[in-house]
Amino acid sequence: MTNQASNKLLLIAATCCIWAALAHIGCIVFGSEWYRMLGAGEQMALMAEQGHWYPTIVTFVIVVVLSLWALYGLSGAGAIKPLPFLRCVLIIISSIFLLRAGAFVFLMPVFPENSQTFWFVSSSICLFIGGVFFIGTFQQWKQLSKHN
């Protein structure tokens, strides 16, 4: 890979992950209003209002995962040095986002407090991010094989 980022789709995917991580940080910082606004469900919002540790820990784990995925997107794009297992991890990230996009039908009964709007919006976002990760990874496939 070159010193300059060479794959715009992976840069877009990384940027989306950064924005998603920042939105989740907003939940931790601003509390129940943000959990409600972002559709995390009334139970999470109520626990946050009560100062329960669970929403903060779950949300922090999501922030860490999204941040790592952003780093892998940047690495795949050539914006930073190649990270370990780059091709494999990019495929896994793409798969997780795409599976999450399609699995909402099965997840809805597990989280009945989330609205249909939440499921439509979040699944659409996951489909978009998974798609750009997937296509960007496919575009970079030969370059990525040089580093794994």
N, C-alpha and C. Protein backbone atom coordinates (compact mmCIF):
# COMPACT_ATOMS: atom_id res chain seq x y z
N MET A 1 0.84 -1.18 0.00
CA MET A 1 0.00 0.00 0.00
C MET A 1 0.89 1.24 0.00
N THR A 2 0.34 2.30 -0.49
CA THR A 2 1.08 3.54 -0.54
C THR A 2 0.92 4.30 0.76
N ASN A 3 1.68 5.39 0.90
CA ASN A 3 1.55 6.22 2.09
C ASN A 3 0.21 6.94 2.13
N GLN A 4 -0.34 7.21 0.95
CA GLN A 4 -1.63 7.87 0.90
C GLN A 4 -2.74 6.84 0.90
N ALA A 5 -3.85 7.21 1.50
CA ALA A 5 -5.00 6.32 1.50
C ALA A 5 -5.44 6.11 0.06
N SER A 6 -5.70 4.86 -0.30
CA SER A 6 -6.01 4.56 -1.69
C SER A 6 -7.42 4.02 -1.89
N ASN A 7 -8.17 3.83 -0.83
CA ASN A 7 -9.49 3.26 -1.00
C ASN A 7 -10.52 4.11 -0.28
N LYS A 8 -11.28 4.86 -1.07
CA LYS A 8 -12.27 5.79 -0.50
C LYS A 8 -13.38 5.06 0.26
N LEU A 9 -13.79 3.89 -0.21
CA LEU A 9 -14.87 3.19 0.46
C LEU A 9 -14.47 2.74 1.86
N LEU A 10 -13.25 2.25 2.00
CA LEU A 10 -12.79 1.87 3.34
C LEU A 10 -12.62 3.10 4.23
N LEU A 11 -12.25 4.23 3.64
CA LEU A 11 -12.19 5.47 4.43
C LEU A 11 -13.59 5.88 4.89
N ILE A 12 -14.58 5.74 4.01
CA ILE A 12 -15.96 6.04 4.38
C ILE A 12 -16.42 5.10 5.49
N ALA A 13 -16.12 3.82 5.35
CA ALA A 13 -16.51 2.84 6.37
C ALA A 13 -15.87 3.19 7.72
N ALA A 14 -14.59 3.53 7.70
CA ALA A 14 -13.89 3.90 8.94
C ALA A 14 -14.51 5.15 9.55
N THR A 15 -14.83 6.13 8.72
CA THR A 15 -15.45 7.36 9.20
C THR A 15 -16.82 7.07 9.82
N CYS A 16 -17.59 6.20 9.20
CA CYS A 16 -18.89 5.82 9.76
C CYS A 16 -18.72 5.17 11.13
N CYS A 17 -17.72 4.32 11.27
CA CYS A 17 -17.47 3.69 12.56
C CYS A 17 -17.07 4.72 13.61
N ILE A 18 -16.28 5.70 13.20
CA ILE A 18 -15.89 6.76 14.14
C ILE A 18 -17.11 7.54 14.60
N TRP A 19 -17.98 7.90 13.65
CA TRP A 19 -19.20 8.64 14.01
C TRP A 19 -20.10 7.81 14.92
N ALA A 20 -20.21 6.53 14.63
CA ALA A 20 -21.02 5.65 15.47
C ALA A 20 -20.43 5.55 16.87
N ALA A 21 -19.11 5.45 16.96
CA ALA A 21 -18.45 5.40 18.27
C ALA A 21 -18.70 6.71 19.03
N LEU A 22 -18.62 7.83 18.34
CA LEU A 22 -18.87 9.12 18.99
C LEU A 22 -20.32 9.23 19.49
N ALA A 23 -21.25 8.71 18.71
CA ALA A 23 -22.66 8.72 19.15
C ALA A 23 -22.82 7.89 20.42
N HIS A 24 -22.13 6.77 20.49
CA HIS A 24 -22.20 5.94 21.68
C HIS A 24 -21.51 6.61 22.87
N ILE A 25 -20.43 7.33 22.62
CA ILE A 25 -19.80 8.10 23.70
C ILE A 25 -20.78 9.14 24.21
N GLY A 26 -21.56 9.72 23.31
CA GLY A 26 -22.59 10.68 23.70
C GLY A 26 -23.58 10.07 24.68
N CYS A 27 -23.92 8.81 24.49
CA CYS A 27 -24.82 8.13 25.43
C CYS A 27 -24.18 8.05 26.81
N ILE A 28 -22.92 7.72 26.86
CA ILE A 28 -22.23 7.61 28.15
C ILE A 28 -22.16 8.97 28.83
N VAL A 29 -21.83 9.99 28.07
CA VAL A 29 -21.63 11.33 28.64
C VAL A 29 -22.96 11.99 29.00
N PHE A 30 -23.94 11.91 28.11
CA PHE A 30 -25.19 12.66 28.28
C PHE A 30 -26.34 11.83 28.86
N GLY A 31 -26.15 10.52 28.97
CA GLY A 31 -27.08 9.69 29.71
C GLY A 31 -28.36 9.31 29.01
N SER A 32 -29.41 9.18 29.81
CA SER A 32 -30.66 8.56 29.38
C SER A 32 -31.30 9.23 28.16
N GLU A 33 -31.18 10.55 28.05
CA GLU A 33 -31.78 11.23 26.90
C GLU A 33 -31.17 10.73 25.59
N TRP A 34 -29.87 10.54 25.61
CA TRP A 34 -29.19 10.05 24.41
C TRP A 34 -29.53 8.59 24.15
N TYR A 35 -29.61 7.78 25.20
CA TYR A 35 -30.01 6.38 25.00
C TYR A 35 -31.38 6.33 24.34
N ARG A 36 -32.29 7.16 24.80
CA ARG A 36 -33.64 7.20 24.20
C ARG A 36 -33.58 7.72 22.76
N MET A 37 -32.86 8.82 22.56
CA MET A 37 -32.78 9.43 21.25
C MET A 37 -32.21 8.46 20.21
N LEU A 38 -31.23 7.67 20.62
CA LEU A 38 -30.60 6.74 19.69
C LEU A 38 -31.28 5.38 19.66
N GLY A 39 -32.36 5.24 20.42
CA GLY A 39 -33.19 4.04 20.32
C GLY A 39 -32.68 2.83 21.07
N ALA A 40 -31.92 3.04 22.12
CA ALA A 40 -31.38 1.91 22.88
C ALA A 40 -32.43 1.19 23.70
N GLY A 41 -33.58 1.77 23.83
CA GLY A 41 -34.65 1.14 24.59
C GLY A 41 -34.83 1.79 25.95
N GLU A 42 -36.06 1.73 26.42
CA GLU A 42 -36.40 2.38 27.69
C GLU A 42 -35.67 1.74 28.87
N GLN A 43 -35.47 0.44 28.82
CA GLN A 43 -34.78 -0.23 29.92
C GLN A 43 -33.36 0.30 30.09
N MET A 44 -32.64 0.47 28.99
CA MET A 44 -31.27 1.01 29.06
C MET A 44 -31.32 2.46 29.57
N ALA A 45 -32.27 3.23 29.08
CA ALA A 45 -32.39 4.62 29.52
C ALA A 45 -32.68 4.70 31.01
N LEU A 46 -33.58 3.87 31.48
CA LEU A 46 -33.92 3.88 32.91
C LEU A 46 -32.73 3.45 33.77
N MET A 47 -32.00 2.44 33.32
CA MET A 47 -30.82 2.02 34.06
C MET A 47 -29.78 3.14 34.11
N ALA A 48 -29.63 3.86 33.01
CA ALA A 48 -28.69 4.99 32.98
C ALA A 48 -29.13 6.07 33.96
N GLU A 49 -30.44 6.35 33.99
CA GLU A 49 -30.96 7.35 34.93
C GLU A 49 -30.69 6.96 36.38
N GLN A 50 -30.75 5.67 36.65
CA GLN A 50 -30.55 5.17 38.01
C GLN A 50 -29.09 5.00 38.37
N GLY A 51 -28.21 5.31 37.43
CA GLY A 51 -26.78 5.21 37.69
C GLY A 51 -26.24 3.79 37.67
N HIS A 52 -26.99 2.89 37.05
CA HIS A 52 -26.56 1.50 36.96
C HIS A 52 -25.34 1.40 36.05
N TRP A 53 -24.45 0.49 36.34
CA TRP A 53 -23.21 0.32 35.58
C TRP A 53 -23.43 -0.32 34.20
N TYR A 54 -24.47 -1.11 34.04
CA TYR A 54 -24.66 -1.91 32.83
C TYR A 54 -24.67 -1.09 31.53
N PRO A 55 -25.49 -0.03 31.42
CA PRO A 55 -25.49 0.72 30.16
C PRO A 55 -24.12 1.29 29.80
N THR A 56 -23.41 1.77 30.80
CA THR A 56 -22.09 2.36 30.54
C THR A 56 -21.11 1.31 30.04
N ILE A 57 -21.09 0.15 30.67
CA ILE A 57 -20.15 -0.91 30.26
C ILE A 57 -20.48 -1.42 28.86
N VAL A 58 -21.74 -1.72 28.61
CA VAL A 58 -22.15 -2.21 27.29
C VAL A 58 -21.80 -1.17 26.21
N THR A 59 -22.11 0.07 26.48
CA THR A 59 -21.87 1.13 25.51
C THR A 59 -20.37 1.34 25.31
N PHE A 60 -19.60 1.26 26.38
CA PHE A 60 -18.15 1.40 26.26
C PHE A 60 -17.55 0.28 25.41
N VAL A 61 -18.02 -0.94 25.59
CA VAL A 61 -17.54 -2.06 24.77
C VAL A 61 -17.85 -1.79 23.30
N ILE A 62 -19.04 -1.28 23.02
CA ILE A 62 -19.40 -0.95 21.63
C ILE A 62 -18.48 0.13 21.09
N VAL A 63 -18.15 1.13 21.90
CA VAL A 63 -17.23 2.20 21.47
C VAL A 63 -15.87 1.61 21.12
N VAL A 64 -15.37 0.72 21.95
CA VAL A 64 -14.06 0.11 21.70
C VAL A 64 -14.09 -0.70 20.41
N VAL A 65 -15.12 -1.52 20.23
CA VAL A 65 -15.22 -2.34 19.02
C VAL A 65 -15.31 -1.46 17.77
N LEU A 66 -16.18 -0.46 17.80
CA LEU A 66 -16.30 0.43 16.64
C LEU A 66 -15.00 1.17 16.35
N SER A 67 -14.28 1.56 17.39
CA SER A 67 -12.99 2.24 17.21
C SER A 67 -11.96 1.31 16.58
N LEU A 68 -11.92 0.06 17.03
CA LEU A 68 -11.02 -0.92 16.41
C LEU A 68 -11.38 -1.15 14.95
N TRP A 69 -12.67 -1.25 14.68
CA TRP A 69 -13.10 -1.44 13.30
C TRP A 69 -12.73 -0.24 12.45
N ALA A 70 -12.82 0.96 13.01
CA ALA A 70 -12.39 2.15 12.27
C ALA A 70 -10.90 2.07 11.93
N LEU A 71 -10.11 1.62 12.89
CA LEU A 71 -8.66 1.48 12.64
C LEU A 71 -8.40 0.46 11.53
N TYR A 72 -9.14 -0.63 11.53
CA TYR A 72 -8.97 -1.62 10.46
C TYR A 72 -9.41 -1.06 9.11
N GLY A 73 -10.46 -0.26 9.10
CA GLY A 73 -10.87 0.38 7.85
C GLY A 73 -9.79 1.33 7.34
N LEU A 74 -9.21 2.11 8.25
CA LEU A 74 -8.12 3.02 7.87
C LEU A 74 -6.91 2.24 7.38
N SER A 75 -6.62 1.14 8.04
CA SER A 75 -5.50 0.31 7.63
C SER A 75 -5.74 -0.30 6.25
N GLY A 76 -6.92 -0.82 6.04
CA GLY A 76 -7.25 -1.39 4.73
C GLY A 76 -7.22 -0.36 3.62
N ALA A 77 -7.58 0.88 3.95
CA ALA A 77 -7.56 1.97 2.97
C ALA A 77 -6.14 2.44 2.67
N GLY A 78 -5.20 2.07 3.52
CA GLY A 78 -3.82 2.51 3.33
C GLY A 78 -3.49 3.80 4.04
N ALA A 79 -4.39 4.26 4.91
CA ALA A 79 -4.17 5.52 5.63
C ALA A 79 -3.22 5.34 6.82
N ILE A 80 -3.16 4.13 7.35
CA ILE A 80 -2.23 3.81 8.44
C ILE A 80 -1.56 2.49 8.09
N LYS A 81 -0.56 2.12 8.89
CA LYS A 81 0.17 0.88 8.64
C LYS A 81 -0.77 -0.33 8.67
N PRO A 82 -0.39 -1.37 7.93
CA PRO A 82 -1.22 -2.59 7.94
C PRO A 82 -1.29 -3.20 9.34
N LEU A 83 -2.49 -3.52 9.76
CA LEU A 83 -2.72 -4.17 11.04
C LEU A 83 -2.72 -5.68 10.85
N PRO A 84 -2.52 -6.43 11.92
CA PRO A 84 -2.48 -7.90 11.81
C PRO A 84 -3.80 -8.47 11.28
N PHE A 85 -3.67 -9.51 10.47
CA PHE A 85 -4.82 -10.25 9.95
C PHE A 85 -5.81 -9.34 9.22
N LEU A 86 -5.30 -8.36 8.50
CA LEU A 86 -6.12 -7.30 7.92
C LEU A 86 -7.25 -7.83 7.04
N ARG A 87 -6.92 -8.68 6.08
CA ARG A 87 -7.98 -9.19 5.18
C ARG A 87 -9.05 -9.95 5.96
N CYS A 88 -8.62 -10.82 6.81
CA CYS A 88 -9.55 -11.63 7.59
C CYS A 88 -10.45 -10.76 8.45
N VAL A 89 -9.87 -9.79 9.13
CA VAL A 89 -10.66 -8.92 10.01
C VAL A 89 -11.63 -8.07 9.21
N LEU A 90 -11.20 -7.56 8.06
CA LEU A 90 -12.11 -6.76 7.23
C LEU A 90 -13.30 -7.60 6.74
N ILE A 91 -13.05 -8.85 6.43
CA ILE A 91 -14.15 -9.74 6.02
C ILE A 91 -15.10 -9.96 7.20
N ILE A 92 -14.53 -10.17 8.38
CA ILE A 92 -15.36 -10.39 9.57
C ILE A 92 -16.20 -9.14 9.87
N ILE A 93 -15.58 -7.97 9.81
CA ILE A 93 -16.30 -6.72 10.07
C ILE A 93 -17.45 -6.56 9.07
N SER A 94 -17.14 -6.75 7.79
CA SER A 94 -18.18 -6.66 6.76
C SER A 94 -19.32 -7.62 7.06
N SER A 95 -18.97 -8.84 7.40
CA SER A 95 -19.97 -9.87 7.67
C SER A 95 -20.84 -9.52 8.86
N ILE A 96 -20.23 -9.02 9.92
CA ILE A 96 -21.00 -8.67 11.12
C ILE A 96 -22.00 -7.56 10.81
N PHE A 97 -21.54 -6.51 10.12
CA PHE A 97 -22.47 -5.43 9.77
C PHE A 97 -23.59 -5.94 8.88
N LEU A 98 -23.26 -6.74 7.88
CA LEU A 98 -24.29 -7.23 6.95
C LEU A 98 -25.24 -8.20 7.65
N LEU A 99 -24.71 -9.05 8.52
CA LEU A 99 -25.58 -9.95 9.29
C LEU A 99 -26.50 -9.17 10.21
N ARG A 100 -25.95 -8.15 10.87
CA ARG A 100 -26.78 -7.32 11.76
C ARG A 100 -27.88 -6.63 10.96
N ALA A 101 -27.56 -6.18 9.75
CA ALA A 101 -28.56 -5.51 8.91
C ALA A 101 -29.72 -6.44 8.60
N GLY A 102 -29.42 -7.70 8.33
CA GLY A 102 -30.47 -8.64 7.97
C GLY A 102 -31.13 -9.35 9.14
N ALA A 103 -30.46 -9.36 10.27
CA ALA A 103 -30.95 -10.14 11.41
C ALA A 103 -31.97 -9.39 12.26
N PHE A 104 -32.31 -8.17 11.87
CA PHE A 104 -33.23 -7.39 12.71
C PHE A 104 -34.56 -8.10 12.93
N VAL A 105 -34.98 -8.88 11.95
CA VAL A 105 -36.25 -9.61 12.07
C VAL A 105 -36.19 -10.57 13.27
N PHE A 106 -35.04 -11.18 13.47
CA PHE A 106 -34.87 -12.12 14.57
C PHE A 106 -34.55 -11.41 15.88
N LEU A 107 -33.99 -10.21 15.79
CA LEU A 107 -33.62 -9.45 16.99
C LEU A 107 -34.79 -8.68 17.58
N MET A 108 -35.75 -8.30 16.75
CA MET A 108 -36.88 -7.49 17.21
C MET A 108 -37.61 -8.12 18.41
N PRO A 109 -37.90 -9.42 18.39
CA PRO A 109 -38.60 -10.00 19.55
C PRO A 109 -37.74 -10.03 20.82
N VAL A 110 -36.44 -10.04 20.66
CA VAL A 110 -35.53 -10.07 21.81
C VAL A 110 -35.48 -8.70 22.48
N PHE A 111 -35.67 -7.64 21.70
CA PHE A 111 -35.63 -6.26 22.20
C PHE A 111 -36.95 -5.57 21.83
N PRO A 112 -38.05 -5.98 22.44
CA PRO A 112 -39.37 -5.45 22.03
C PRO A 112 -39.56 -3.96 22.33
N GLU A 113 -38.75 -3.39 23.22
CA GLU A 113 -38.90 -1.98 23.55
C GLU A 113 -38.38 -1.06 22.45
N ASN A 114 -37.58 -1.60 21.52
CA ASN A 114 -37.06 -0.78 20.43
C ASN A 114 -38.14 -0.62 19.35
N SER A 115 -38.27 0.58 18.84
CA SER A 115 -39.31 0.87 17.86
C SER A 115 -38.96 0.31 16.48
N GLN A 116 -39.97 0.22 15.62
CA GLN A 116 -39.72 -0.20 14.25
C GLN A 116 -38.83 0.81 13.53
N THR A 117 -38.98 2.08 13.89
CA THR A 117 -38.11 3.11 13.31
C THR A 117 -36.66 2.83 13.66
N PHE A 118 -36.41 2.49 14.94
CA PHE A 118 -35.04 2.15 15.36
C PHE A 118 -34.50 1.01 14.51
N TRP A 119 -35.29 -0.06 14.35
CA TRP A 119 -34.81 -1.22 13.61
C TRP A 119 -34.56 -0.88 12.15
N PHE A 120 -35.44 -0.08 11.54
CA PHE A 120 -35.25 0.29 10.14
C PHE A 120 -34.01 1.15 9.97
N VAL A 121 -33.87 2.17 10.81
CA VAL A 121 -32.74 3.09 10.68
C VAL A 121 -31.41 2.38 10.99
N SER A 122 -31.37 1.68 12.12
CA SER A 122 -30.10 1.04 12.50
C SER A 122 -29.72 -0.06 11.51
N SER A 123 -30.69 -0.80 11.01
CA SER A 123 -30.39 -1.85 10.04
C SER A 123 -29.93 -1.27 8.71
N SER A 124 -30.51 -0.15 8.32
CA SER A 124 -30.08 0.52 7.08
C SER A 124 -28.65 1.04 7.22
N ILE A 125 -28.34 1.60 8.36
CA ILE A 125 -26.98 2.08 8.61
C ILE A 125 -25.99 0.91 8.56
N CYS A 126 -26.35 -0.19 9.22
CA CYS A 126 -25.48 -1.37 9.20
C CYS A 126 -25.31 -1.92 7.79
N LEU A 127 -26.37 -1.92 7.01
CA LEU A 127 -26.28 -2.38 5.62
C LEU A 127 -25.33 -1.49 4.83
N PHE A 128 -25.44 -0.17 5.00
CA PHE A 128 -24.56 0.75 4.30
C PHE A 128 -23.10 0.53 4.70
N ILE A 129 -22.84 0.51 6.02
CA ILE A 129 -21.45 0.37 6.48
C ILE A 129 -20.89 -0.99 6.07
N GLY A 130 -21.68 -2.04 6.23
CA GLY A 130 -21.22 -3.37 5.82
C GLY A 130 -20.94 -3.43 4.33
N GLY A 131 -21.78 -2.77 3.56
CA GLY A 131 -21.58 -2.74 2.11
C GLY A 131 -20.30 -2.03 1.71
N VAL A 132 -20.04 -0.88 2.32
CA VAL A 132 -18.81 -0.16 1.94
C VAL A 132 -17.57 -0.90 2.45
N PHE A 133 -17.66 -1.53 3.61
CA PHE A 133 -16.54 -2.36 4.07
C PHE A 133 -16.31 -3.51 3.07
N PHE A 134 -17.39 -4.17 2.68
CA PHE A 134 -17.27 -5.32 1.78
C PHE A 134 -16.70 -4.92 0.42
N ILE A 135 -17.30 -3.91 -0.20
CA ILE A 135 -16.84 -3.50 -1.54
C ILE A 135 -15.43 -2.93 -1.46
N GLY A 136 -15.14 -2.12 -0.44
CA GLY A 136 -13.80 -1.58 -0.27
C GLY A 136 -12.77 -2.67 -0.08
N THR A 137 -13.11 -3.68 0.70
CA THR A 137 -12.20 -4.81 0.91
C THR A 137 -11.97 -5.55 -0.40
N PHE A 138 -13.03 -5.79 -1.14
CA PHE A 138 -12.92 -6.46 -2.45
C PHE A 138 -12.01 -5.66 -3.38
N GLN A 139 -12.17 -4.34 -3.40
CA GLN A 139 -11.34 -3.49 -4.26
C GLN A 139 -9.87 -3.56 -3.87
N GLN A 140 -9.59 -3.72 -2.60
CA GLN A 140 -8.21 -3.72 -2.09
C GLN A 140 -7.62 -5.11 -1.98
N TRP A 141 -8.36 -6.14 -2.37
CA TRP A 141 -7.99 -7.53 -2.08
C TRP A 141 -6.55 -7.85 -2.43
N LYS A 142 -6.10 -7.49 -3.62
CA LYS A 142 -4.72 -7.81 -4.04
C LYS A 142 -3.70 -7.06 -3.19
N GLN A 143 -3.98 -5.80 -2.90
CA GLN A 143 -3.07 -5.02 -2.05
C GLN A 143 -3.02 -5.60 -0.65
N LEU A 144 -4.15 -6.01 -0.13
CA LEU A 144 -4.21 -6.55 1.23
C LEU A 144 -3.47 -7.87 1.35
N SER A 145 -3.44 -8.66 0.26
CA SER A 145 -2.77 -9.96 0.33
C SER A 145 -1.26 -9.81 0.48
N LYS A 146 -0.72 -8.66 0.13
CA LYS A 146 0.71 -8.42 0.28
C LYS A 146 1.11 -8.25 1.74
N HIS A 147 0.15 -8.01 2.59
CA HIS A 147 0.44 -7.71 3.99
C HIS A 147 -0.05 -8.78 4.95
N ASN A 148 -0.56 -9.87 4.45
CA ASN A 148 -1.06 -10.95 5.32
C ASN A 148 -0.44 -12.27 4.95
